[in-house]
Amino acid sequence: MHEMSICESIVSVIERQAVAQSFSRVNLVRLEIGPLAGVELQALRFSFDVVTRGGIAENARLEVIEMPVAGWCMPCAKPVTVAERYDPCPDCGSYQIQITGGEELRIKDMEVD
């Protein structure tokens, strides 16, 4: 379950920022996650609860913002949204799409005390 190591990395970032910005408690962590990031959200939520126990993010809410799969259709020369990596362009049907979004896994922001 790599979601546990992802959450350990998130806690590491939180702890470094707590020292740098002088906060002592985290109430909310917002993550942006794309469907191509390969993250199982239920496992991530469970892992976050486990990893944050006893630390400054204990009892913090984890909010996930699901990002769309975005791409650039080469024949249409415009941005498009698709459901999966190898889907055709919804406008012209071409498979010549360069993926430009949907692989994200980042901390968007945090609410702290």
PDB file of N, CA and C in Angstrom:
ATOM      1  N   MET A   1       0.855  -1.167   0.000  1.00  0.00           N
ATOM      2  CA  MET A   1       0.000   0.000   0.000  1.00  0.00           C
ATOM      3  C   MET A   1       0.905   1.235   0.000  1.00  0.00           C
ATOM      4  N   HIS A   2       1.078   1.841  -1.166  1.00  0.00           N
ATOM      5  CA  HIS A   2       1.939   3.021  -1.251  1.00  0.00           C
ATOM      6  C   HIS A   2       1.260   4.276  -0.713  1.00  0.00           C
ATOM      7  N   GLU A   3      -0.029   4.209  -0.454  1.00  0.00           N
ATOM      8  CA  GLU A   3      -0.736   5.346   0.128  1.00  0.00           C
ATOM      9  C   GLU A   3      -0.175   5.699   1.507  1.00  0.00           C
ATOM     10  N   MET A   4       0.308   4.695   2.241  1.00  0.00           N
ATOM     11  CA  MET A   4       0.907   4.949   3.550  1.00  0.00           C
ATOM     12  C   MET A   4       2.166   5.797   3.399  1.00  0.00           C
ATOM     13  N   SER A   5       3.015   5.469   2.437  1.00  0.00           N
ATOM     14  CA  SER A   5       4.235   6.263   2.247  1.00  0.00           C
ATOM     15  C   SER A   5       3.907   7.659   1.713  1.00  0.00           C
ATOM     16  N   ILE A   6       2.849   7.783   0.933  1.00  0.00           N
ATOM     17  CA  ILE A   6       2.404   9.108   0.485  1.00  0.00           C
ATOM     18  C   ILE A   6       2.015   9.952   1.693  1.00  0.00           C
ATOM     19  N   CYS A   7       1.255   9.370   2.606  1.00  0.00           N
ATOM     20  CA  CYS A   7       0.826  10.102   3.805  1.00  0.00           C
ATOM     21  C   CYS A   7       2.002  10.437   4.708  1.00  0.00           C
ATOM     22  N   GLU A   8       2.990   9.554   4.784  1.00  0.00           N
ATOM     23  CA  GLU A   8       4.189   9.859   5.565  1.00  0.00           C
ATOM     24  C   GLU A   8       4.916  11.059   4.965  1.00  0.00           C
ATOM     25  N   SER A   9       4.942  11.152   3.652  1.00  0.00           N
ATOM     26  CA  SER A   9       5.559  12.304   2.984  1.00  0.00           C
ATOM     27  C   SER A   9       4.763  13.584   3.248  1.00  0.00           C
ATOM     28  N   ILE A  10       3.447  13.470   3.244  1.00  0.00           N
ATOM     29  CA  ILE A  10       2.595  14.628   3.542  1.00  0.00           C
ATOM     30  C   ILE A  10       2.866  15.123   4.962  1.00  0.00           C
ATOM     31  N   VAL A  11       2.953  14.214   5.914  1.00  0.00           N
ATOM     32  CA  VAL A  11       3.232  14.591   7.296  1.00  0.00           C
ATOM     33  C   VAL A  11       4.616  15.228   7.406  1.00  0.00           C
ATOM     34  N   SER A  12       5.565  14.733   6.667  1.00  0.00           N
ATOM     35  CA  SER A  12       6.903  15.325   6.663  1.00  0.00           C
ATOM     36  C   SER A  12       6.858  16.778   6.180  1.00  0.00           C
ATOM     37  N   VAL A  13       6.101  17.030   5.127  1.00  0.00           N
ATOM     38  CA  VAL A  13       5.936  18.397   4.623  1.00  0.00           C
ATOM     39  C   VAL A  13       5.261  19.270   5.677  1.00  0.00           C
ATOM     40  N   ILE A  14       4.216  18.748   6.301  1.00  0.00           N
ATOM     41  CA  ILE A  14       3.501  19.491   7.343  1.00  0.00           C
ATOM     42  C   ILE A  14       4.447  19.854   8.485  1.00  0.00           C
ATOM     43  N   GLU A  15       5.246  18.908   8.931  1.00  0.00           N
ATOM     44  CA  GLU A  15       6.158  19.168  10.045  1.00  0.00           C
ATOM     45  C   GLU A  15       7.210  20.213   9.686  1.00  0.00           C
ATOM     46  N   ARG A  16       7.743  20.154   8.478  1.00  0.00           N
ATOM     47  CA  ARG A  16       8.722  21.165   8.049  1.00  0.00           C
ATOM     48  C   ARG A  16       8.088  22.553   7.983  1.00  0.00           C
ATOM     49  N   GLN A  17       6.862  22.612   7.471  1.00  0.00           N
ATOM     50  CA  GLN A  17       6.166  23.903   7.390  1.00  0.00           C
ATOM     51  C   GLN A  17       5.776  24.427   8.764  1.00  0.00           C
ATOM     52  N   ALA A  18       5.477  23.541   9.695  1.00  0.00           N
ATOM     53  CA  ALA A  18       5.150  23.968  11.055  1.00  0.00           C
ATOM     54  C   ALA A  18       6.338  24.677  11.691  1.00  0.00           C
ATOM     55  N   VAL A  19       7.527  24.165  11.466  1.00  0.00           N
ATOM     56  CA  VAL A  19       8.731  24.804  11.990  1.00  0.00           C
ATOM     57  C   VAL A  19       8.979  26.124  11.265  1.00  0.00           C
ATOM     58  N   ALA A  20       8.875  26.117   9.953  1.00  0.00           N
ATOM     59  CA  ALA A  20       9.171  27.316   9.155  1.00  0.00           C
ATOM     60  C   ALA A  20       8.164  28.438   9.386  1.00  0.00           C
ATOM     61  N   GLN A  21       6.890  28.074   9.612  1.00  0.00           N
ATOM     62  CA  GLN A  21       5.842  29.089   9.712  1.00  0.00           C
ATOM     63  C   GLN A  21       5.245  29.215  11.117  1.00  0.00           C
ATOM     64  N   SER A  22       5.799  28.508  12.061  1.00  0.00           N
ATOM     65  CA  SER A  22       5.422  28.610  13.479  1.00  0.00           C
ATOM     66  C   SER A  22       3.941  28.345  13.746  1.00  0.00           C
ATOM     67  N   PHE A  23       3.448  27.214  13.294  1.00  0.00           N
ATOM     68  CA  PHE A  23       2.104  26.809  13.704  1.00  0.00           C
ATOM     69  C   PHE A  23       2.210  25.508  14.481  1.00  0.00           C
ATOM     70  N   SER A  24       1.199  25.243  15.304  1.00  0.00           N
ATOM     71  CA  SER A  24       1.270  24.096  16.210  1.00  0.00           C
ATOM     72  C   SER A  24       0.192  23.046  15.979  1.00  0.00           C
ATOM     73  N   ARG A  25      -0.756  23.360  15.115  1.00  0.00           N
ATOM     74  CA  ARG A  25      -1.852  22.413  14.884  1.00  0.00           C
ATOM     75  C   ARG A  25      -2.364  22.575  13.462  1.00  0.00           C
ATOM     76  N   VAL A  26      -2.711  21.440  12.860  1.00  0.00           N
ATOM     77  CA  VAL A  26      -3.306  21.434  11.520  1.00  0.00           C
ATOM     78  C   VAL A  26      -4.740  20.956  11.665  1.00  0.00           C
ATOM     79  N   ASN A  27      -5.678  21.734  11.126  1.00  0.00           N
ATOM     80  CA  ASN A  27      -7.091  21.378  11.215  1.00  0.00           C
ATOM     81  C   ASN A  27      -7.613  20.746   9.930  1.00  0.00           C
ATOM     82  N   LEU A  28      -7.024  21.133   8.800  1.00  0.00           N
ATOM     83  CA  LEU A  28      -7.501  20.662   7.502  1.00  0.00           C
ATOM     84  C   LEU A  28      -6.337  20.615   6.519  1.00  0.00           C
ATOM     85  N   VAL A  29      -6.287  19.544   5.749  1.00  0.00           N
ATOM     86  CA  VAL A  29      -5.318  19.419   4.662  1.00  0.00           C
ATOM     87  C   VAL A  29      -6.111  19.178   3.382  1.00  0.00           C
ATOM     88  N   ARG A  30      -5.882  20.014   2.377  1.00  0.00           N
ATOM     89  CA  ARG A  30      -6.537  19.840   1.072  1.00  0.00           C
ATOM     90  C   ARG A  30      -5.516  19.325   0.075  1.00  0.00           C
ATOM     91  N   LEU A  31      -5.870  18.230  -0.570  1.00  0.00           N
ATOM     92  CA  LEU A  31      -5.014  17.644  -1.593  1.00  0.00           C
ATOM     93  C   LEU A  31      -5.702  17.729  -2.940  1.00  0.00           C
ATOM     94  N   GLU A  32      -4.931  17.973  -3.986  1.00  0.00           N
ATOM     95  CA  GLU A  32      -5.418  17.860  -5.360  1.00  0.00           C
ATOM     96  C   GLU A  32      -4.869  16.547  -5.907  1.00  0.00           C
ATOM     97  N   ILE A  33      -5.786  15.685  -6.350  1.00  0.00           N
ATOM     98  CA  ILE A  33      -5.383  14.375  -6.847  1.00  0.00           C
ATOM     99  C   ILE A  33      -6.092  14.108  -8.172  1.00  0.00           C
ATOM    100  N   GLY A  34      -5.313  13.777  -9.171  1.00  0.00           N
ATOM    101  CA  GLY A  34      -5.861  13.414 -10.473  1.00  0.00           C
ATOM    102  C   GLY A  34      -6.109  11.918 -10.550  1.00  0.00           C
ATOM    103  N   PRO A  35      -7.017  11.493 -11.417  1.00  0.00           N
ATOM    104  CA  PRO A  35      -7.325  10.068 -11.532  1.00  0.00           C
ATOM    105  C   PRO A  35      -6.164   9.238 -12.074  1.00  0.00           C
ATOM    106  N   LEU A  36      -5.190   9.874 -12.698  1.00  0.00           N
ATOM    107  CA  LEU A  36      -4.045   9.153 -13.229  1.00  0.00           C
ATOM    108  C   LEU A  36      -2.892   9.069 -12.233  1.00  0.00           C
ATOM    109  N   ALA A  37      -3.088   9.567 -11.015  1.00  0.00           N
ATOM    110  CA  ALA A  37      -2.035   9.548 -10.000  1.00  0.00           C
ATOM    111  C   ALA A  37      -1.830   8.150  -9.413  1.00  0.00           C
ATOM    112  N   GLY A  38      -2.784   7.265  -9.625  1.00  0.00           N
ATOM    113  CA  GLY A  38      -2.643   5.900  -9.127  1.00  0.00           C
ATOM    114  C   GLY A  38      -2.841   5.785  -7.623  1.00  0.00           C
ATOM    115  N   VAL A  39      -3.734   6.605  -7.080  1.00  0.00           N
ATOM    116  CA  VAL A  39      -3.975   6.621  -5.636  1.00  0.00           C
ATOM    117  C   VAL A  39      -5.372   6.098  -5.353  1.00  0.00           C
ATOM    118  N   GLU A  40      -5.461   5.177  -4.425  1.00  0.00           N
ATOM    119  CA  GLU A  40      -6.749   4.663  -3.961  1.00  0.00           C
ATOM    120  C   GLU A  40      -7.188   5.568  -2.817  1.00  0.00           C
ATOM    121  N   LEU A  41      -8.252   6.340  -3.037  1.00  0.00           N
ATOM    122  CA  LEU A  41      -8.656   7.367  -2.083  1.00  0.00           C
ATOM    123  C   LEU A  41      -9.038   6.809  -0.714  1.00  0.00           C
ATOM    124  N   GLN A  42      -9.712   5.685  -0.671  1.00  0.00           N
ATOM    125  CA  GLN A  42     -10.106   5.101   0.610  1.00  0.00           C
ATOM    126  C   GLN A  42      -8.866   4.684   1.404  1.00  0.00           C
ATOM    127  N   ALA A  43      -7.895   4.100   0.733  1.00  0.00           N
ATOM    128  CA  ALA A  43      -6.648   3.708   1.399  1.00  0.00           C
ATOM    129  C   ALA A  43      -5.867   4.945   1.852  1.00  0.00           C
ATOM    130  N   LEU A  44      -5.907   6.011   1.058  1.00  0.00           N
ATOM    131  CA  LEU A  44      -5.227   7.247   1.423  1.00  0.00           C
ATOM    132  C   LEU A  44      -5.853   7.846   2.681  1.00  0.00           C
ATOM    133  N   ARG A  45      -7.165   7.878   2.753  1.00  0.00           N
ATOM    134  CA  ARG A  45      -7.849   8.429   3.932  1.00  0.00           C
ATOM    135  C   ARG A  45      -7.529   7.621   5.192  1.00  0.00           C
ATOM    136  N   PHE A  46      -7.561   6.303   5.050  1.00  0.00           N
ATOM    137  CA  PHE A  46      -7.214   5.434   6.181  1.00  0.00           C
ATOM    138  C   PHE A  46      -5.773   5.688   6.619  1.00  0.00           C
ATOM    139  N   SER A  47      -4.859   5.726   5.667  1.00  0.00           N
ATOM    140  CA  SER A  47      -3.439   5.928   5.968  1.00  0.00           C
ATOM    141  C   SER A  47      -3.194   7.288   6.616  1.00  0.00           C
ATOM    142  N   PHE A  48      -3.897   8.306   6.148  1.00  0.00           N
ATOM    143  CA  PHE A  48      -3.740   9.646   6.731  1.00  0.00           C
ATOM    144  C   PHE A  48      -4.118   9.628   8.202  1.00  0.00           C
ATOM    145  N   ASP A  49      -5.230   8.972   8.528  1.00  0.00           N
ATOM    146  CA  ASP A  49      -5.653   8.880   9.930  1.00  0.00           C
ATOM    147  C   ASP A  49      -4.616   8.155  10.783  1.00  0.00           C
ATOM    148  N   VAL A  50      -4.015   7.113  10.239  1.00  0.00           N
ATOM    149  CA  VAL A  50      -3.018   6.340  10.982  1.00  0.00           C
ATOM    150  C   VAL A  50      -1.732   7.144  11.171  1.00  0.00           C
ATOM    151  N   VAL A  51      -1.244   7.739  10.109  1.00  0.00           N
ATOM    152  CA  VAL A  51       0.053   8.424  10.128  1.00  0.00           C
ATOM    153  C   VAL A  51       0.024   9.712  10.947  1.00  0.00           C
ATOM    154  N   THR A  52      -1.125  10.365  11.026  1.00  0.00           N
ATOM    155  CA  THR A  52      -1.191  11.642  11.748  1.00  0.00           C
ATOM    156  C   THR A  52      -1.402  11.479  13.251  1.00  0.00           C
ATOM    157  N   ARG A  53      -1.649  10.272  13.727  1.00  0.00           N
ATOM    158  CA  ARG A  53      -1.875  10.055  15.167  1.00  0.00           C
ATOM    159  C   ARG A  53      -0.661  10.495  15.979  1.00  0.00           C
ATOM    160  N   GLY A  54      -0.939  11.276  17.011  1.00  0.00           N
ATOM    161  CA  GLY A  54       0.116  11.704  17.914  1.00  0.00           C
ATOM    162  C   GLY A  54       0.930  12.894  17.424  1.00  0.00           C
ATOM    163  N   GLY A  55       0.590  13.439  16.268  1.00  0.00           N
ATOM    164  CA  GLY A  55       1.343  14.563  15.725  1.00  0.00           C
ATOM    165  C   GLY A  55       0.506  15.825  15.635  1.00  0.00           C
ATOM    166  N   ILE A  56       1.054  16.845  14.997  1.00  0.00           N
ATOM    167  CA  ILE A  56       0.345  18.121  14.921  1.00  0.00           C
ATOM    168  C   ILE A  56      -0.867  18.074  13.985  1.00  0.00           C
ATOM    169  N   ALA A  57      -0.961  17.031  13.170  1.00  0.00           N
ATOM    170  CA  ALA A  57      -2.107  16.902  12.269  1.00  0.00           C
ATOM    171  C   ALA A  57      -3.120  15.862  12.760  1.00  0.00           C
ATOM    172  N   GLU A  58      -2.972  15.434  14.020  1.00  0.00           N
ATOM    173  CA  GLU A  58      -3.930  14.476  14.562  1.00  0.00           C
ATOM    174  C   GLU A  58      -5.327  15.089  14.537  1.00  0.00           C
ATOM    175  N   ASN A  59      -6.296  14.333  14.090  1.00  0.00           N
ATOM    176  CA  ASN A  59      -7.695  14.745  13.960  1.00  0.00           C
ATOM    177  C   ASN A  59      -7.929  15.784  12.863  1.00  0.00           C
ATOM    178  N   ALA A  60      -6.934  16.060  12.051  1.00  0.00           N
ATOM    179  CA  ALA A  60      -7.122  16.978  10.920  1.00  0.00           C
ATOM    180  C   ALA A  60      -8.020  16.309   9.882  1.00  0.00           C
ATOM    181  N   ARG A  61      -8.860  17.117   9.249  1.00  0.00           N
ATOM    182  CA  ARG A  61      -9.690  16.611   8.160  1.00  0.00           C
ATOM    183  C   ARG A  61      -8.847  16.560   6.893  1.00  0.00           C
ATOM    184  N   LEU A  62      -9.073  15.545   6.114  1.00  0.00           N
ATOM    185  CA  LEU A  62      -8.410  15.416   4.816  1.00  0.00           C
ATOM    186  C   LEU A  62      -9.464  15.644   3.748  1.00  0.00           C
ATOM    187  N   GLU A  63      -9.278  16.691   2.956  1.00  0.00           N
ATOM    188  CA  GLU A  63     -10.206  17.008   1.871  1.00  0.00           C
ATOM    189  C   GLU A  63      -9.488  16.754   0.553  1.00  0.00           C
ATOM    190  N   VAL A  64     -10.121  15.972  -0.303  1.00  0.00           N
ATOM    191  CA  VAL A  64      -9.536  15.638  -1.596  1.00  0.00           C
ATOM    192  C   VAL A  64     -10.304  16.358  -2.704  1.00  0.00           C
ATOM    193  N   ILE A  65      -9.570  17.106  -3.500  1.00  0.00           N
ATOM    194  CA  ILE A  65     -10.134  17.770  -4.672  1.00  0.00           C
ATOM    195  C   ILE A  65      -9.719  16.932  -5.866  1.00  0.00           C
ATOM    196  N   GLU A  66     -10.705  16.307  -6.501  1.00  0.00           N
ATOM    197  CA  GLU A  66     -10.406  15.441  -7.637  1.00  0.00           C
ATOM    198  C   GLU A  66     -10.264  16.282  -8.902  1.00  0.00           C
ATOM    199  N   MET A  67      -9.096  16.176  -9.519  1.00  0.00           N
ATOM    200  CA  MET A  67      -8.782  16.944 -10.714  1.00  0.00           C
ATOM    201  C   MET A  67      -9.184  16.142 -11.959  1.00  0.00           C
ATOM    202  N   PRO A  68      -9.562  16.798 -13.038  1.00  0.00           N
ATOM    203  CA  PRO A  68      -9.932  16.081 -14.262  1.00  0.00           C
ATOM    204  C   PRO A  68      -8.688  15.663 -15.058  1.00  0.00           C
ATOM    205  N   VAL A  69      -8.904  14.735 -15.974  1.00  0.00           N
ATOM    206  CA  VAL A  69      -7.841  14.386 -16.920  1.00  0.00           C
ATOM    207  C   VAL A  69      -7.934  15.392 -18.063  1.00  0.00           C
ATOM    208  N   ALA A  70      -6.908  16.192 -18.193  1.00  0.00           N
ATOM    209  CA  ALA A  70      -6.880  17.229 -19.224  1.00  0.00           C
ATOM    210  C   ALA A  70      -5.849  16.858 -20.283  1.00  0.00           C
ATOM    211  N   GLY A  71      -6.102  17.296 -21.484  1.00  0.00           N
ATOM    212  CA  GLY A  71      -5.160  17.022 -22.568  1.00  0.00           C
ATOM    213  C   GLY A  71      -5.225  18.089 -23.642  1.00  0.00           C
ATOM    214  N   TRP A  72      -4.296  17.976 -24.568  1.00  0.00           N
ATOM    215  CA  TRP A  72      -4.234  18.872 -25.718  1.00  0.00           C
ATOM    216  C   TRP A  72      -4.439  18.009 -26.949  1.00  0.00           C
ATOM    217  N   CYS A  73      -5.544  18.275 -27.672  1.00  0.00           N
ATOM    218  CA  CYS A  73      -5.821  17.527 -28.900  1.00  0.00           C
ATOM    219  C   CYS A  73      -5.003  18.169 -30.022  1.00  0.00           C
ATOM    220  N   MET A  74      -4.119  17.398 -30.611  1.00  0.00           N
ATOM    221  CA  MET A  74      -3.254  17.939 -31.654  1.00  0.00           C
ATOM    222  C   MET A  74      -4.018  18.307 -32.927  1.00  0.00           C
ATOM    223  N   PRO A  75      -4.911  17.470 -33.444  1.00  0.00           N
ATOM    224  CA  PRO A  75      -5.659  17.870 -34.643  1.00  0.00           C
ATOM    225  C   PRO A  75      -6.578  19.076 -34.415  1.00  0.00           C
ATOM    226  N   CYS A  76      -7.227  19.144 -33.255  1.00  0.00           N
ATOM    227  CA  CYS A  76      -8.121  20.272 -32.957  1.00  0.00           C
ATOM    228  C   CYS A  76      -7.343  21.516 -32.530  1.00  0.00           C
ATOM    229  N   ALA A  77      -6.129  21.308 -32.048  1.00  0.00           N
ATOM    230  CA  ALA A  77      -5.284  22.383 -31.515  1.00  0.00           C
ATOM    231  C   ALA A  77      -5.989  23.144 -30.392  1.00  0.00           C
ATOM    232  N   LYS A  78      -6.548  22.355 -29.455  1.00  0.00           N
ATOM    233  CA  LYS A  78      -7.222  22.978 -28.315  1.00  0.00           C
ATOM    234  C   LYS A  78      -7.232  22.019 -27.124  1.00  0.00           C
ATOM    235  N   PRO A  79      -7.430  22.578 -25.925  1.00  0.00           N
ATOM    236  CA  PRO A  79      -7.499  21.723 -24.735  1.00  0.00           C
ATOM    237  C   PRO A  79      -8.811  20.939 -24.688  1.00  0.00           C
ATOM    238  N   VAL A  80      -8.725  19.711 -24.160  1.00  0.00           N
ATOM    239  CA  VAL A  80      -9.905  18.857 -24.015  1.00  0.00           C
ATOM    240  C   VAL A  80      -9.845  18.156 -22.662  1.00  0.00           C
ATOM    241  N   THR A  81     -10.989  17.674 -22.232  1.00  0.00           N
ATOM    242  CA  THR A  81     -11.081  16.852 -21.032  1.00  0.00           C
ATOM    243  C   THR A  81     -11.529  15.462 -21.446  1.00  0.00           C
ATOM    244  N   VAL A  82     -10.821  14.435 -20.950  1.00  0.00           N
ATOM    245  CA  VAL A  82     -11.163  13.048 -21.255  1.00  0.00           C
ATOM    246  C   VAL A  82     -11.296  12.285 -19.941  1.00  0.00           C
ATOM    247  N   ALA A  83     -11.880  11.104 -20.000  1.00  0.00           N
ATOM    248  CA  ALA A  83     -12.084  10.314 -18.785  1.00  0.00           C
ATOM    249  C   ALA A  83     -10.833   9.524 -18.403  1.00  0.00           C
ATOM    250  N   GLU A  84     -10.101   9.036 -19.406  1.00  0.00           N
ATOM    251  CA  GLU A  84      -8.921   8.210 -19.161  1.00  0.00           C
ATOM    252  C   GLU A  84      -7.824   8.559 -20.145  1.00  0.00           C
ATOM    253  N   ARG A  85      -6.629   8.046 -19.867  1.00  0.00           N
ATOM    254  CA  ARG A  85      -5.443   8.389 -20.641  1.00  0.00           C
ATOM    255  C   ARG A  85      -5.593   8.139 -22.144  1.00  0.00           C
ATOM    256  N   TYR A  86      -6.138   7.039 -22.558  1.00  0.00           N
ATOM    257  CA  TYR A  86      -6.169   6.694 -23.987  1.00  0.00           C
ATOM    258  C   TYR A  86      -7.536   6.900 -24.637  1.00  0.00           C
ATOM    259  N   ASP A  87      -8.343   7.758 -24.059  1.00  0.00           N
ATOM    260  CA  ASP A  87      -9.640   8.071 -24.658  1.00  0.00           C
ATOM    261  C   ASP A  87      -9.455   8.974 -25.875  1.00  0.00           C
ATOM    262  N   PRO A  88     -10.397   8.896 -26.814  1.00  0.00           N
ATOM    263  CA  PRO A  88     -10.325   9.790 -27.981  1.00  0.00           C
ATOM    264  C   PRO A  88     -10.792  11.205 -27.631  1.00  0.00           C
ATOM    265  N   CYS A  89     -10.459  12.134 -28.488  1.00  0.00           N
ATOM    266  CA  CYS A  89     -10.918  13.515 -28.341  1.00  0.00           C
ATOM    267  C   CYS A  89     -12.443  13.526 -28.408  1.00  0.00           C
ATOM    268  N   PRO A  90     -13.094  14.191 -27.473  1.00  0.00           N
ATOM    269  CA  PRO A  90     -14.552  14.230 -27.492  1.00  0.00           C
ATOM    270  C   PRO A  90     -15.118  15.026 -28.674  1.00  0.00           C
ATOM    271  N   ASP A  91     -14.280  15.846 -29.314  1.00  0.00           N
ATOM    272  CA  ASP A  91     -14.758  16.651 -30.439  1.00  0.00           C
ATOM    273  C   ASP A  91     -14.512  15.994 -31.794  1.00  0.00           C
ATOM    274  N   CYS A  92     -13.255  15.548 -32.030  1.00  0.00           N
ATOM    275  CA  CYS A  92     -12.931  15.036 -33.370  1.00  0.00           C
ATOM    276  C   CYS A  92     -12.717  13.527 -33.420  1.00  0.00           C
ATOM    277  N   GLY A  93     -12.605  12.873 -32.259  1.00  0.00           N
ATOM    278  CA  GLY A  93     -12.415  11.431 -32.221  1.00  0.00           C
ATOM    279  C   GLY A  93     -10.965  10.987 -32.363  1.00  0.00           C
ATOM    280  N   SER A  94     -10.053  11.907 -32.500  1.00  0.00           N
ATOM    281  CA  SER A  94      -8.636  11.578 -32.657  1.00  0.00           C
ATOM    282  C   SER A  94      -8.067  11.030 -31.350  1.00  0.00           C
ATOM    283  N   TYR A  95      -7.072  10.161 -31.498  1.00  0.00           N
ATOM    284  CA  TYR A  95      -6.365   9.633 -30.339  1.00  0.00           C
ATOM    285  C   TYR A  95      -5.039  10.360 -30.124  1.00  0.00           C
ATOM    286  N   GLN A  96      -4.815  11.422 -30.843  1.00  0.00           N
ATOM    287  CA  GLN A  96      -3.578  12.196 -30.722  1.00  0.00           C
ATOM    288  C   GLN A  96      -3.752  13.268 -29.651  1.00  0.00           C
ATOM    289  N   ILE A  97      -3.807  12.804 -28.411  1.00  0.00           N
ATOM    290  CA  ILE A  97      -4.000  13.706 -27.280  1.00  0.00           C
ATOM    291  C   ILE A  97      -2.779  13.620 -26.375  1.00  0.00           C
ATOM    292  N   GLN A  98      -2.220  14.765 -26.088  1.00  0.00           N
ATOM    293  CA  GLN A  98      -1.118  14.847 -25.137  1.00  0.00           C
ATOM    294  C   GLN A  98      -1.712  15.190 -23.780  1.00  0.00           C
ATOM    295  N   ILE A  99      -1.508  14.320 -22.796  1.00  0.00           N
ATOM    296  CA  ILE A  99      -2.060  14.535 -21.461  1.00  0.00           C
ATOM    297  C   ILE A  99      -1.319  15.688 -20.782  1.00  0.00           C
ATOM    298  N   THR A 100      -2.077  16.645 -20.263  1.00  0.00           N
ATOM    299  CA  THR A 100      -1.492  17.812 -19.594  1.00  0.00           C
ATOM    300  C   THR A 100      -1.925  17.923 -18.135  1.00  0.00           C
ATOM    301  N   GLY A 101      -2.843  17.110 -17.696  1.00  0.00           N
ATOM    302  CA  GLY A 101      -3.300  17.152 -16.310  1.00  0.00           C
ATOM    303  C   GLY A 101      -4.020  15.883 -15.938  1.00  0.00           C
ATOM    304  N   GLY A 102      -4.111  15.627 -14.657  1.00  0.00           N
ATOM    305  CA  GLY A 102      -4.784  14.432 -14.169  1.00  0.00           C
ATOM    306  C   GLY A 102      -3.836  13.506 -13.438  1.00  0.00           C
ATOM    307  N   GLU A 103      -2.541  13.836 -13.444  1.00  0.00           N
ATOM    308  CA  GLU A 103      -1.549  13.035 -12.738  1.00  0.00           C
ATOM    309  C   GLU A 103      -1.145  13.686 -11.408  1.00  0.00           C
ATOM    310  N   GLU A 104      -1.820  14.784 -11.053  1.00  0.00           N
ATOM    311  CA  GLU A 104      -1.453  15.559  -9.874  1.00  0.00           C
ATOM    312  C   GLU A 104      -1.631  14.772  -8.583  1.00  0.00           C
ATOM    313  N   LEU A 105      -0.752  15.052  -7.655  1.00  0.00           N
ATOM    314  CA  LEU A 105      -0.879  14.623  -6.267  1.00  0.00           C
ATOM    315  C   LEU A 105      -0.095  15.650  -5.470  1.00  0.00           C
ATOM    316  N   ARG A 106      -0.799  16.663  -4.999  1.00  0.00           N
ATOM    317  CA  ARG A 106      -0.102  17.757  -4.299  1.00  0.00           C
ATOM    318  C   ARG A 106      -0.982  18.321  -3.192  1.00  0.00           C
ATOM    319  N   ILE A 107      -0.278  18.914  -2.220  1.00  0.00           N
ATOM    320  CA  ILE A 107      -0.965  19.624  -1.150  1.00  0.00           C
ATOM    321  C   ILE A 107      -1.370  20.973  -1.711  1.00  0.00           C
ATOM    322  N   LYS A 108      -2.664  21.242  -1.727  1.00  0.00           N
ATOM    323  CA  LYS A 108      -3.152  22.538  -2.215  1.00  0.00           C
ATOM    324  C   LYS A 108      -2.983  23.594  -1.126  1.00  0.00           C
ATOM    325  N   ASP A 109      -3.499  23.298   0.069  1.00  0.00           N
ATOM    326  CA  ASP A 109      -3.340  24.205   1.200  1.00  0.00           C
ATOM    327  C   ASP A 109      -3.703  23.498   2.490  1.00  0.00           C
ATOM    328  N   MET A 110      -3.515  24.218   3.598  1.00  0.00           N
ATOM    329  CA  MET A 110      -3.818  23.690   4.917  1.00  0.00           C
ATOM    330  C   MET A 110      -4.446  24.805   5.751  1.00  0.00           C
ATOM    331  N   GLU A 111      -5.306  24.425   6.672  1.00  0.00           N
ATOM    332  CA  GLU A 111      -5.811  25.351   7.681  1.00  0.00           C
ATOM    333  C   GLU A 111      -5.111  24.985   8.987  1.00  0.00           C
ATOM    334  N   VAL A 112      -4.473  25.975   9.594  1.00  0.00           N
ATOM    335  CA  VAL A 112      -3.640  25.717  10.773  1.00  0.00           C
ATOM    336  C   VAL A 112      -3.939  26.706  11.892  1.00  0.00           C
ATOM    337  N   ASP A 113      -3.498  26.357  13.103  1.00  0.00           N
ATOM    338  CA  ASP A 113      -3.555  27.246  14.273  1.00  0.00           C
ATOM    339  C   ASP A 113      -2.131  27.517  14.732  1.00  0.00           C
TER     340      ASP A 113
END
